[in-house]
Amino acid sequence: MNFSTLFRTKENLNLDKNTLTILRYIAIFGQFLAIGIVYYFLNLPFPIIESYIIISLGLVTNLYLQFGVKINQLKDFYAAPFLLYDLIQLSALLYLTGGIFNPFSFLLVIPAIVSSTFLSMGTTIILGFITSILLLTISFFHLPLPGEDMNLLHFPNFYKNGIIISILIGLIFLSYFGIRFSGEKKKTEEAFKKLQEVIYKEYELESLGGQAAAAAHSLGTPLATISVVAKELKKEIGNDSDFSKDIDLLISQSKRCSEILKRISKKQIEEDKFFSSTKLEHLLEEIISSFKETSSKKINLVSNNDKNKIDIQRSAEMIYGLRNFIGNAIKFSKSKVNIFLSSDEKEIKITVNDDGPGFPKDIVKKLGEPYIKSRSLELNTNSGLGLGTFLGKTLLERQNAKLIFKDDKNLGGASVVIRWSPKNILV
């Protein structure tokens, strides 16, 4: 693991300054309140002046963070020193008030947990290591716990060892959880960003047709005017003029422009009808036809059991989702892909089967999640990071579909089952 990977320097990792400032204010005033109650209300002696000085220094650093630091999103380089100071400050307070036996000693894990959630793994490891060193230090070197010198408390060594081990386990567990949580959240956010880009492009392409039709309609009248004026000029000038050839060229080119615009308008009318509604069987036939132009593999559509032939709304989500799974089946198949369409009053189902290697066992339960990678040598040459499957699954689920990934018993490859309830499918 290199430096850029460990500290994820290429990723947009940061900690909001306002969030850190508020957290530190809560901690500082909580510390003021805690030592005040112990010293003045419970009448338990400990170095109160030194404790106030340490907490006041923390307040000064937080005021500097709030008013002196001008950036709102803190990278590792800016956030880590404040978290490190908080760790040292709390350790100093614990040293003055009983060390590891202080009930607030578990708060030492907080800076590392904050780092694991918002910052890089490298920063978290460094803070976790320093936390462990400071924890062991205040376990053996500390002033008495307030009240301990009054013979009120006595702690055996195994109790101290148990506290050390429990805090270290909590540190490791919560830091690991924070790293995994932030990593999964980051991957999901990136995947959904890709999803939005795909949908935006699909609808952008769809809207281009409408814009072309509008342009054809708007340009039709000026071109007709140009053609009429050119013909009148030709009559006035006559065939013997030096400008006759130029006028003939102007008339022919304006006529050509009119024909092009008519074709654009006609195509858009067809596309409007095409996009408004269709049957699943027709949609699948068109998708399959587009793949047959670029693939020599045998693609069969079986729709004998399609009894509920309802019209559905043709959407970019539906088209992309179905194309993704049919395209994957063709990509991984050896020579054959079977697509079954069946429907009745209770269910509409599309099953895509292929004779390829099937879904790898190590990721079959994770299919539909973004950024996953199989260890299968048979699939590594063609497989990606699962982003396409995530996009297709998410888009179809937005169309009220339910998906199942399993092995196909007939062809021996993969099988994707897509189900809708007739009342939930968009019509």
Protein backbone atom coordinates (compact mmCIF):
# COMPACT_ATOMS: atom_id res chain seq x y z
CA MET A 1 0.00 0.00 0.00
CA ASN A 2 1.64 3.26 -1.11
CA PHE A 3 1.39 6.70 0.50
CA SER A 4 -1.36 8.00 -1.79
CA THR A 5 -3.49 4.92 -1.13
CA LEU A 6 -2.98 4.92 2.64
CA PHE A 7 -3.79 8.62 2.99
CA ARG A 8 -6.21 8.63 0.00
CA THR A 9 -4.72 11.88 -1.26
CA LYS A 10 -6.64 11.64 -4.53
CA GLU A 11 -10.03 11.46 -2.80
CA ASN A 12 -12.13 14.33 -1.57
CA LEU A 13 -11.84 13.53 2.15
CA ASN A 14 -12.45 16.33 4.60
CA LEU A 15 -13.93 17.24 7.96
CA ASP A 16 -16.35 20.14 8.21
CA LYS A 17 -14.83 22.90 10.34
CA ASN A 18 -18.14 23.83 11.98
CA THR A 19 -18.75 20.21 12.96
CA LEU A 20 -15.31 19.88 14.56
CA THR A 21 -15.65 23.25 16.29
CA ILE A 22 -19.01 22.34 17.85
CA LEU A 23 -17.73 18.92 18.97
CA ARG A 24 -14.71 20.53 20.63
CA TYR A 25 -16.86 23.17 22.37
CA ILE A 26 -19.08 20.43 23.77
CA ALA A 27 -16.02 18.54 25.02
CA ILE A 28 -14.40 21.64 26.56
CA PHE A 29 -17.45 22.83 28.44
CA GLY A 30 -18.16 19.26 29.50
CA GLN A 31 -14.67 19.10 30.99
CA PHE A 32 -15.17 22.40 32.81
CA LEU A 33 -18.46 21.11 34.21
CA ALA A 34 -17.07 17.72 35.23
CA ILE A 35 -14.05 19.01 37.18
CA GLY A 36 -16.20 21.71 38.76
CA ILE A 37 -18.71 19.17 40.08
CA VAL A 38 -15.99 16.82 41.37
CA TYR A 39 -13.97 19.55 43.11
CA TYR A 40 -16.63 21.93 44.42
CA PHE A 41 -19.73 19.75 44.81
CA LEU A 42 -18.25 16.36 45.77
CA ASN A 43 -15.34 17.99 47.62
CA LEU A 44 -12.79 15.56 46.19
CA PRO A 45 -9.33 17.18 45.95
CA PHE A 46 -7.17 17.05 42.81
CA PRO A 47 -4.98 19.64 40.93
CA ILE A 48 -7.83 21.96 39.94
CA ILE A 49 -5.66 24.88 38.80
CA GLU A 50 -3.60 22.75 36.43
CA SER A 51 -6.79 21.19 35.07
CA TYR A 52 -8.31 24.60 34.37
CA ILE A 53 -5.13 25.69 32.57
CA ILE A 54 -5.16 22.60 30.32
CA ILE A 55 -8.83 23.05 29.43
CA SER A 56 -8.33 26.80 28.81
CA LEU A 57 -5.58 26.01 26.32
CA GLY A 58 -8.05 23.74 24.52
CA LEU A 59 -10.56 26.62 24.45
CA VAL A 60 -7.92 28.89 22.89
CA THR A 61 -7.15 26.35 20.17
CA ASN A 62 -10.85 26.05 19.40
CA LEU A 63 -11.27 29.80 19.14
CA TYR A 64 -8.35 29.81 16.71
CA LEU A 65 -10.00 27.00 14.74
CA GLN A 66 -13.28 28.93 14.59
CA PHE A 67 -11.95 32.38 13.73
CA GLY A 68 -8.36 31.88 12.57
CA VAL A 69 -8.76 29.03 10.09
CA LYS A 70 -10.44 30.41 6.98
CA ILE A 71 -11.22 27.18 5.12
CA ASN A 72 -14.51 25.41 5.86
CA GLN A 73 -13.51 21.88 4.81
CA LEU A 74 -10.48 20.59 6.71
CA LYS A 75 -8.20 18.09 4.98
CA ASP A 76 -6.02 15.62 6.90
CA PHE A 77 -3.21 18.14 7.20
CA TYR A 78 -5.45 20.69 8.98
CA ALA A 79 -7.81 18.43 10.96
CA ALA A 80 -5.29 15.91 12.33
CA PRO A 81 -3.32 18.42 14.51
CA PHE A 82 -6.52 19.50 16.31
CA LEU A 83 -7.56 15.89 16.90
CA LEU A 84 -4.05 15.11 18.12
CA TYR A 85 -4.14 18.06 20.51
CA ASP A 86 -7.52 16.91 21.87
CA LEU A 87 -6.02 13.50 22.49
CA ILE A 88 -3.02 14.93 24.34
CA GLN A 89 -5.21 17.36 26.31
CA LEU A 90 -7.55 14.62 27.51
CA SER A 91 -4.58 12.41 28.42
CA ALA A 92 -3.13 15.25 30.52
CA LEU A 93 -6.45 15.70 32.33
CA LEU A 94 -6.68 11.98 32.96
CA TYR A 95 -3.10 11.98 34.30
CA LEU A 96 -4.12 14.60 36.87
CA THR A 97 -7.33 12.79 37.84
CA GLY A 98 -6.56 9.11 38.27
CA GLY A 99 -5.33 7.98 34.88
CA ILE A 100 -6.92 4.81 33.51
CA PHE A 101 -9.20 4.52 36.56
CA ASN A 102 -10.97 7.77 35.71
CA PRO A 103 -14.50 6.89 34.40
CA PHE A 104 -13.95 9.25 31.46
CA SER A 105 -10.86 7.41 30.21
CA PHE A 106 -12.86 5.70 27.44
CA LEU A 107 -13.20 9.13 25.75
CA LEU A 108 -9.61 8.73 24.54
CA VAL A 109 -10.90 6.75 21.55
CA ILE A 110 -13.00 9.64 20.19
CA PRO A 111 -10.30 11.46 18.10
CA ALA A 112 -9.39 8.22 16.29
CA ILE A 113 -13.07 7.44 15.67
CA VAL A 114 -13.71 10.93 14.25
CA SER A 115 -10.69 10.45 12.00
CA SER A 116 -11.85 7.01 10.82
CA THR A 117 -15.21 8.44 9.78
CA PHE A 118 -14.09 11.62 8.01
CA LEU A 119 -10.37 11.37 7.28
CA SER A 120 -7.96 8.87 5.76
CA MET A 121 -6.93 5.45 7.01
CA GLY A 122 -3.35 6.65 7.44
CA THR A 123 -4.38 9.47 9.78
CA THR A 124 -6.60 7.06 11.73
CA ILE A 125 -3.76 4.56 12.16
CA ILE A 126 -1.41 7.27 13.41
CA LEU A 127 -3.97 8.61 15.90
CA GLY A 128 -4.83 5.05 16.99
CA PHE A 129 -1.16 4.28 17.64
CA ILE A 130 -0.66 7.49 19.64
CA THR A 131 -3.87 6.76 21.58
CA SER A 132 -2.52 3.33 22.54
CA ILE A 133 0.80 4.83 23.71
CA LEU A 134 -0.93 7.49 25.81
CA LEU A 135 -3.36 4.93 27.22
CA LEU A 136 -0.53 2.71 28.41
CA THR A 137 1.34 5.72 29.78
CA ILE A 138 -1.49 7.00 31.98
CA SER A 139 -2.15 3.41 33.10
CA PHE A 140 1.17 3.27 34.96
CA PHE A 141 1.95 6.96 35.52
CA HIS A 142 -0.80 9.13 36.98
CA LEU A 143 -1.84 11.04 40.06
CA PRO A 144 -4.36 9.44 42.43
CA LEU A 145 -8.00 9.31 41.48
CA PRO A 146 -9.93 11.97 43.47
CA GLY A 147 -10.98 10.21 46.68
CA GLU A 148 -8.50 7.36 46.35
CA ASP A 149 -6.12 8.87 48.89
CA MET A 150 -9.04 8.91 51.35
CA ASN A 151 -9.04 5.07 51.35
CA LEU A 152 -12.39 5.06 49.60
CA LEU A 153 -11.23 3.03 46.60
CA HIS A 154 -8.83 0.20 45.86
CA PHE A 155 -8.23 -1.31 42.40
CA PRO A 156 -6.47 -4.68 41.90
CA ASN A 157 -4.04 -5.04 39.00
CA PHE A 158 -6.25 -7.38 36.98
CA TYR A 159 -8.97 -4.70 37.04
CA LYS A 160 -6.52 -2.18 35.57
CA ASN A 161 -5.45 -4.64 32.89
CA GLY A 162 -9.08 -5.30 32.04
CA ILE A 163 -9.74 -1.58 31.55
CA ILE A 164 -6.71 -1.24 29.27
CA ILE A 165 -7.74 -4.21 27.15
CA SER A 166 -11.39 -3.11 26.91
CA ILE A 167 -10.46 0.41 25.75
CA LEU A 168 -7.98 -0.95 23.18
CA ILE A 169 -10.60 -3.37 21.83
CA GLY A 170 -13.12 -0.53 21.65
CA LEU A 171 -10.56 1.64 19.85
CA ILE A 172 -9.80 -1.04 17.25
CA PHE A 173 -13.44 -2.05 16.72
CA LEU A 174 -14.88 1.45 16.45
CA SER A 175 -12.03 2.69 14.23
CA TYR A 176 -12.46 -0.27 11.89
CA PHE A 177 -16.21 0.32 11.82
CA GLY A 178 -15.67 4.00 11.02
CA ILE A 179 -13.24 3.19 8.19
CA ARG A 180 -15.62 0.64 6.66
CA PHE A 181 -18.64 2.88 7.10
CA SER A 182 -17.01 5.92 5.51
CA GLY A 183 -15.57 3.77 2.70
CA GLU A 184 -18.94 2.21 1.86
CA LYS A 185 -20.62 5.60 2.03
CA LYS A 186 -18.01 7.07 -0.32
CA LYS A 187 -18.41 4.23 -2.83
CA THR A 188 -22.18 4.50 -2.75
CA GLU A 189 -22.06 8.25 -3.28
CA GLU A 190 -19.73 7.82 -6.26
CA ALA A 191 -21.94 5.08 -7.71
CA PHE A 192 -25.06 7.21 -7.40
CA LYS A 193 -23.20 10.08 -9.03
CA LYS A 194 -22.47 7.78 -11.97
CA LEU A 195 -26.14 6.79 -11.97
CA GLN A 196 -27.25 10.40 -12.21
CA GLU A 197 -24.79 10.99 -15.05
CA VAL A 198 -26.18 8.01 -16.97
CA ILE A 199 -29.79 9.16 -16.55
CA TYR A 200 -28.87 12.72 -17.46
CA LYS A 201 -27.19 11.57 -20.68
CA GLU A 202 -30.15 9.34 -21.59
CA TYR A 203 -32.63 12.16 -21.18
CA GLU A 204 -30.30 14.60 -22.87
CA LEU A 205 -30.18 12.38 -25.94
CA GLU A 206 -33.95 12.06 -25.84
CA SER A 207 -34.41 15.82 -25.63
CA LEU A 208 -32.12 16.40 -28.64
CA GLY A 209 -34.79 14.92 -30.88
CA GLY A 210 -37.35 17.40 -29.60
CA GLN A 211 -34.94 20.28 -30.07
CA ALA A 212 -34.24 19.14 -33.63
CA ALA A 213 -37.96 19.05 -34.41
CA ALA A 214 -38.40 22.53 -32.97
CA ALA A 215 -35.50 23.77 -35.08
CA ALA A 216 -37.00 22.13 -38.19
CA HIS A 217 -40.33 23.83 -37.54
CA SER A 218 -38.73 27.21 -36.88
CA LEU A 219 -36.39 27.10 -39.90
CA GLY A 220 -39.05 25.90 -42.31
CA THR A 221 -40.58 29.34 -42.90
CA PRO A 222 -37.30 31.26 -43.48
CA LEU A 223 -36.10 28.58 -45.93
CA ALA A 224 -39.38 28.73 -47.84
CA THR A 225 -39.04 32.53 -48.03
CA ILE A 226 -35.46 32.23 -49.33
CA SER A 227 -36.60 29.73 -51.99
CA VAL A 228 -39.46 32.01 -53.17
CA VAL A 229 -37.25 35.11 -53.32
CA ALA A 230 -34.54 33.19 -55.22
CA LYS A 231 -37.06 32.00 -57.82
CA GLU A 232 -38.37 35.53 -58.29
CA LEU A 233 -34.82 36.83 -58.73
CA LYS A 234 -34.21 34.19 -61.39
CA LYS A 235 -37.26 35.37 -63.31
CA GLU A 236 -36.07 38.97 -63.13
CA ILE A 237 -32.48 38.25 -64.12
CA GLY A 238 -33.16 35.60 -66.78
CA ASN A 239 -30.95 32.80 -68.05
CA ASP A 240 -28.34 35.00 -69.72
CA SER A 241 -27.14 36.66 -66.56
CA ASP A 242 -23.79 35.86 -64.91
CA PHE A 243 -25.67 35.30 -61.64
CA SER A 244 -28.03 32.63 -63.01
CA LYS A 245 -25.87 29.69 -61.88
CA ASP A 246 -25.50 31.12 -58.40
CA ILE A 247 -29.25 31.56 -58.06
CA ASP A 248 -29.85 27.99 -59.26
CA LEU A 249 -27.39 26.76 -56.62
CA LEU A 250 -29.16 28.82 -53.94
CA ILE A 251 -32.54 27.34 -54.90
CA SER A 252 -31.22 23.75 -54.93
CA GLN A 253 -29.48 24.11 -51.56
CA SER A 254 -32.54 25.68 -49.88
CA LYS A 255 -34.60 22.78 -51.24
CA ARG A 256 -32.07 20.32 -49.85
CA CYS A 257 -32.24 22.02 -46.42
CA SER A 258 -36.02 21.73 -46.47
CA GLU A 259 -35.82 18.00 -47.19
CA ILE A 260 -33.33 17.47 -44.34
CA LEU A 261 -35.57 19.33 -41.91
CA LYS A 262 -38.59 17.30 -43.04
CA ARG A 263 -36.70 14.08 -42.29
CA ILE A 264 -35.72 15.37 -38.85
CA SER A 265 -39.31 16.31 -38.09
CA LYS A 266 -40.61 12.97 -39.33
CA LYS A 267 -38.03 11.07 -37.25
CA GLN A 268 -38.98 13.00 -34.13
CA ILE A 269 -42.68 12.24 -34.60
CA GLU A 270 -41.83 8.57 -34.83
CA GLU A 271 -39.63 8.80 -31.71
CA ASP A 272 -42.35 10.55 -29.72
CA LYS A 273 -44.69 7.69 -30.47
CA PHE A 274 -41.88 5.26 -29.76
CA PHE A 275 -41.11 6.76 -26.35
CA SER A 276 -44.67 7.27 -25.17
CA SER A 277 -45.63 3.61 -24.69
CA THR A 278 -44.71 0.15 -25.87
CA LYS A 279 -45.03 -3.50 -24.96
CA LEU A 280 -42.24 -5.30 -23.14
CA GLU A 281 -41.95 -7.81 -25.97
CA HIS A 282 -41.39 -5.03 -28.53
CA LEU A 283 -38.92 -3.29 -26.25
CA LEU A 284 -36.93 -6.50 -25.78
CA GLU A 285 -36.97 -7.17 -29.54
CA GLU A 286 -35.52 -3.73 -30.25
CA ILE A 287 -32.81 -4.12 -27.60
CA ILE A 288 -31.92 -7.59 -28.90
CA SER A 289 -31.86 -6.30 -32.48
CA SER A 290 -29.32 -3.63 -31.55
CA PHE A 291 -27.03 -6.27 -30.02
CA LYS A 292 -27.35 -8.58 -33.03
CA GLU A 293 -25.74 -5.90 -35.17
CA THR A 294 -22.52 -6.13 -33.14
CA SER A 295 -22.52 -9.72 -31.86
CA SER A 296 -22.53 -13.09 -33.62
CA LYS A 297 -23.88 -14.94 -30.58
CA LYS A 298 -27.32 -16.52 -30.71
CA ILE A 299 -29.92 -14.49 -28.81
CA ASN A 300 -33.37 -16.04 -28.40
CA LEU A 301 -36.49 -14.29 -27.12
CA VAL A 302 -39.26 -16.61 -25.92
CA SER A 303 -42.55 -14.82 -25.22
CA ASN A 304 -45.10 -17.62 -25.57
CA ASN A 305 -46.22 -17.19 -21.97
CA ASP A 306 -46.68 -13.44 -22.22
CA LYS A 307 -50.43 -13.46 -21.57
CA ASN A 308 -50.74 -10.01 -20.05
CA LYS A 309 -49.65 -7.87 -23.02
CA ILE A 310 -50.03 -4.46 -21.41
CA ASP A 311 -48.51 -1.25 -22.70
CA ILE A 312 -45.78 0.21 -20.48
CA GLN A 313 -44.18 3.62 -20.38
CA ARG A 314 -40.91 3.59 -22.25
CA SER A 315 -38.34 5.31 -20.05
CA ALA A 316 -34.59 5.76 -20.09
CA GLU A 317 -34.36 3.85 -16.79
CA MET A 318 -36.18 0.83 -18.22
CA ILE A 319 -34.16 0.80 -21.43
CA TYR A 320 -30.77 1.18 -19.74
CA GLY A 321 -31.56 -1.38 -17.05
CA LEU A 322 -32.67 -4.08 -19.49
CA ARG A 323 -29.86 -3.32 -21.94
CA ASN A 324 -27.32 -3.65 -19.13
CA PHE A 325 -28.34 -7.18 -18.10
CA ILE A 326 -28.87 -8.40 -21.67
CA GLY A 327 -25.51 -6.89 -22.65
CA ASN A 328 -23.78 -8.58 -19.69
CA ALA A 329 -25.30 -11.94 -20.65
CA ILE A 330 -24.04 -11.54 -24.22
CA LYS A 331 -20.62 -10.41 -22.98
CA PHE A 332 -20.04 -13.42 -20.71
CA SER A 333 -21.87 -16.07 -22.75
CA LYS A 334 -20.02 -18.57 -24.91
CA SER A 335 -22.48 -18.71 -27.78
CA LYS A 336 -26.08 -18.50 -26.58
CA VAL A 337 -28.41 -16.25 -24.59
CA ASN A 338 -32.05 -17.06 -23.83
CA ILE A 339 -34.49 -14.36 -22.77
CA PHE A 340 -37.88 -15.45 -21.43
CA LEU A 341 -40.84 -13.10 -21.10
CA SER A 342 -43.86 -14.35 -19.19
CA SER A 343 -46.80 -12.59 -17.59
CA ASP A 344 -50.22 -13.20 -16.07
CA GLU A 345 -52.58 -11.30 -13.83
CA LYS A 346 -50.24 -11.57 -10.82
CA GLU A 347 -46.74 -11.14 -12.23
CA ILE A 348 -44.62 -9.93 -15.15
CA LYS A 349 -41.25 -11.67 -15.37
CA ILE A 350 -38.18 -11.37 -17.60
CA THR A 351 -35.46 -14.01 -17.25
CA VAL A 352 -32.06 -13.54 -18.92
CA ASN A 353 -29.99 -16.77 -19.11
CA ASP A 354 -26.61 -17.39 -20.71
CA ASP A 355 -24.21 -20.31 -21.20
CA GLY A 356 -21.22 -18.51 -19.71
CA PRO A 357 -19.29 -19.27 -16.50
CA GLY A 358 -22.10 -18.03 -14.26
CA PHE A 359 -21.90 -15.75 -11.24
CA PRO A 360 -18.72 -16.19 -9.18
CA LYS A 361 -19.38 -17.70 -5.76
CA ASP A 362 -17.31 -15.11 -3.92
CA ILE A 363 -19.50 -12.15 -4.94
CA VAL A 364 -22.90 -13.66 -5.81
CA LYS A 365 -24.37 -12.40 -2.52
CA LYS A 366 -22.95 -8.90 -3.12
CA LEU A 367 -24.27 -8.47 -6.67
CA GLY A 368 -25.96 -5.14 -7.03
CA GLU A 369 -23.44 -3.36 -4.80
CA PRO A 370 -21.00 -0.94 -6.44
CA TYR A 371 -17.25 -1.52 -6.75
CA ILE A 372 -16.92 -5.24 -6.12
CA LYS A 373 -14.32 -7.47 -7.74
CA SER A 374 -14.33 -11.24 -8.16
CA ARG A 375 -11.20 -13.35 -7.67
CA SER A 376 -12.34 -15.77 -10.38
CA LEU A 377 -9.62 -16.14 -13.02
CA GLU A 378 -12.24 -17.12 -15.60
CA LEU A 379 -14.06 -13.80 -15.21
CA ASN A 380 -11.23 -11.37 -14.54
CA THR A 381 -10.58 -10.61 -18.21
CA ASN A 382 -14.14 -9.40 -18.82
CA SER A 383 -15.43 -8.40 -15.40
CA GLY A 384 -15.41 -4.86 -14.08
CA LEU A 385 -16.16 -3.49 -10.63
CA GLY A 386 -19.88 -4.24 -10.55
CA LEU A 387 -20.85 -0.64 -11.31
CA GLY A 388 -22.91 -1.60 -14.39
CA THR A 389 -24.88 -4.18 -12.41
CA PHE A 390 -25.45 -1.63 -9.65
CA LEU A 391 -26.71 0.94 -12.16
CA GLY A 392 -28.99 -1.54 -13.94
CA LYS A 393 -30.41 -2.92 -10.70
CA THR A 394 -30.99 0.52 -9.20
CA LEU A 395 -32.68 1.86 -12.34
CA LEU A 396 -35.02 -1.13 -12.63
CA GLU A 397 -35.84 -0.99 -8.94
CA ARG A 398 -36.86 2.61 -9.49
CA GLN A 399 -39.34 1.15 -11.97
CA ASN A 400 -40.73 -1.03 -9.13
CA ALA A 401 -38.87 -4.17 -10.26
CA LYS A 402 -37.46 -6.92 -8.04
CA LEU A 403 -34.28 -8.70 -9.13
CA ILE A 404 -32.81 -12.11 -8.33
CA PHE A 405 -29.33 -13.32 -9.36
CA LYS A 406 -28.77 -17.07 -9.56
CA ASP A 407 -27.27 -19.86 -11.68
CA ASP A 408 -29.12 -21.18 -14.72
CA LYS A 409 -29.66 -24.94 -14.62
CA ASN A 410 -30.36 -25.32 -18.34
CA LEU A 411 -27.52 -23.41 -20.01
CA GLY A 412 -25.19 -23.67 -17.03
CA GLY A 413 -24.40 -19.98 -16.85
CA ALA A 414 -25.88 -16.98 -15.06
CA SER A 415 -29.54 -16.12 -14.68
CA VAL A 416 -31.07 -12.73 -13.90
CA VAL A 417 -34.76 -12.71 -12.99
CA ILE A 418 -36.62 -9.38 -13.16
CA ARG A 419 -40.15 -9.28 -11.74
CA TRP A 420 -42.92 -6.69 -11.61
CA SER A 421 -46.41 -6.70 -10.26
CA PRO A 422 -48.79 -5.61 -13.09
CA LYS A 423 -50.21 -2.88 -10.87
CA ASN A 424 -46.74 -1.51 -9.98
CA ILE A 425 -45.12 -1.42 -13.41
CA LEU A 426 -45.23 2.03 -14.96
CA VAL A 427 -47.91 2.06 -17.67
